[in-house]
Protein backbone atom coordinates (compact mmCIF):
# COMPACT_ATOMS: atom_id res chain seq x y z
CA MET A 1 96.52 112.81 114.13
CA LYS A 2 96.31 110.68 110.94
CA ILE A 3 98.04 107.02 110.93
CA LYS A 4 98.34 105.46 107.37
CA ARG A 5 99.59 101.43 107.26
CA LYS A 6 102.09 100.99 104.75
CA SER A 7 103.86 98.06 103.60
CA LEU A 8 107.56 97.65 104.59
CA VAL A 9 110.34 96.69 102.57
CA PHE A 10 113.97 96.36 102.79
CA HIS A 11 116.49 94.82 99.91
CA ASN A 12 119.13 92.36 100.22
CA VAL A 13 118.74 90.99 103.41
CA VAL A 14 120.97 88.22 104.97
CA PHE A 15 119.22 85.95 107.05
CA ILE A 16 120.33 82.93 109.34
CA SER A 17 118.66 80.70 111.38
CA GLY A 18 118.78 78.34 114.44
CA ALA A 19 117.78 77.33 117.81
CA ALA A 20 118.80 78.35 121.14
CA THR A 21 117.75 79.30 124.17
CA LYS A 22 116.73 83.67 125.14
CA ASN A 23 120.21 84.35 126.91
CA GLN A 24 122.28 81.89 123.66
CA TRP A 25 120.12 83.88 120.78
CA TYR A 26 122.90 86.54 120.72
CA ASP A 27 124.92 83.91 118.99
CA ILE A 28 123.85 83.11 116.21
CA ALA A 29 123.61 86.53 115.43
CA VAL A 30 127.05 87.09 116.19
CA LYS A 31 127.89 84.71 113.41
CA MET A 32 125.88 86.33 111.00
CA ARG A 33 127.51 90.05 112.21
CA THR A 34 130.98 88.03 111.21
CA PHE A 35 129.86 87.20 108.10
CA VAL A 36 129.15 90.69 106.99
CA ILE A 37 132.36 91.91 108.82
CA ASN A 38 134.57 89.60 106.84
CA ASN A 39 132.83 90.15 103.59
CA ASP A 40 133.67 93.59 103.86
CA LEU A 41 129.69 94.52 103.73
CA TYR A 42 127.55 96.63 106.27
CA PRO A 43 124.10 96.68 106.92
CA THR A 44 121.97 99.66 105.62
CA GLY A 45 118.88 98.86 108.00
CA PRO A 46 117.63 97.14 111.55
CA ILE A 47 118.56 93.92 112.28
CA PHE A 48 115.35 92.38 113.32
CA TYR A 49 114.56 89.16 114.07
CA THR A 50 111.11 86.52 114.80
CA VAL A 51 111.17 83.75 117.23
CA GLN A 52 109.19 80.59 116.58
CA ASP A 53 107.86 78.20 120.28
CA GLN A 54 109.48 74.76 119.36
CA GLU A 55 107.09 71.44 121.33
CA ASN A 56 108.51 70.25 124.59
CA LYS A 57 111.33 71.91 124.07
CA GLU A 58 113.13 75.33 126.29
CA GLU A 59 115.01 76.17 123.23
CA LYS A 60 113.32 78.56 120.45
CA ILE A 61 114.23 78.82 116.70
CA PHE A 62 115.53 82.54 116.64
CA THR A 63 116.04 83.85 112.71
CA VAL A 64 117.99 87.04 113.03
CA TYR A 65 117.25 89.58 109.52
CA MET A 66 119.74 92.19 108.37
CA PRO A 67 119.93 94.39 105.19
CA ILE A 68 123.01 94.87 103.59
CA ASN A 69 124.76 97.06 101.18
CA ALA A 70 124.93 94.54 97.82
CA GLN A 71 123.71 91.27 96.76
CA ILE A 72 125.59 87.89 97.31
CA LYS A 73 126.42 84.45 96.34
CA LEU A 74 126.28 81.83 99.23
CA THR A 75 127.09 78.55 98.81
CA LYS A 76 124.45 75.67 99.50
CA ASP A 77 126.15 74.34 102.66
CA SER A 78 126.04 78.11 104.62
CA GLU A 79 124.53 79.01 107.57
CA LEU A 80 123.41 81.99 106.11
CA HIS A 81 120.69 82.62 103.57
CA PHE A 82 120.17 85.85 101.30
CA ILE A 83 116.92 87.53 99.51
CA GLU A 84 116.64 90.24 97.42
CA LYS A 85 113.84 91.61 98.72
CA PHE A 86 112.11 90.92 102.46
CA GLU A 87 108.49 92.83 102.12
CA VAL A 88 105.61 93.08 105.09
CA LYS A 89 102.42 94.05 103.13
CA ALA A 90 100.09 96.62 104.70
CA GLY A 91 97.70 95.19 106.43
């Protein structure tokens, strides 16, 4: 079987970051999901996340990403962020 490495690209990605324990990270994802539903948006790809350790703390920094169906504008005080293109280059 031949395996090829390719870039992974998602468009119109909304994301949110926050500190939480392993048992609380879901609360961060629920905030984003609620925002998407309340604004008549829908996911167009998988939900994915990153986890970063914090030195000397039980909590970790979770960042949850969701590709959505449209470009959006967020206010500066929003907990959520938007990027037009999220890309992981082939390595």
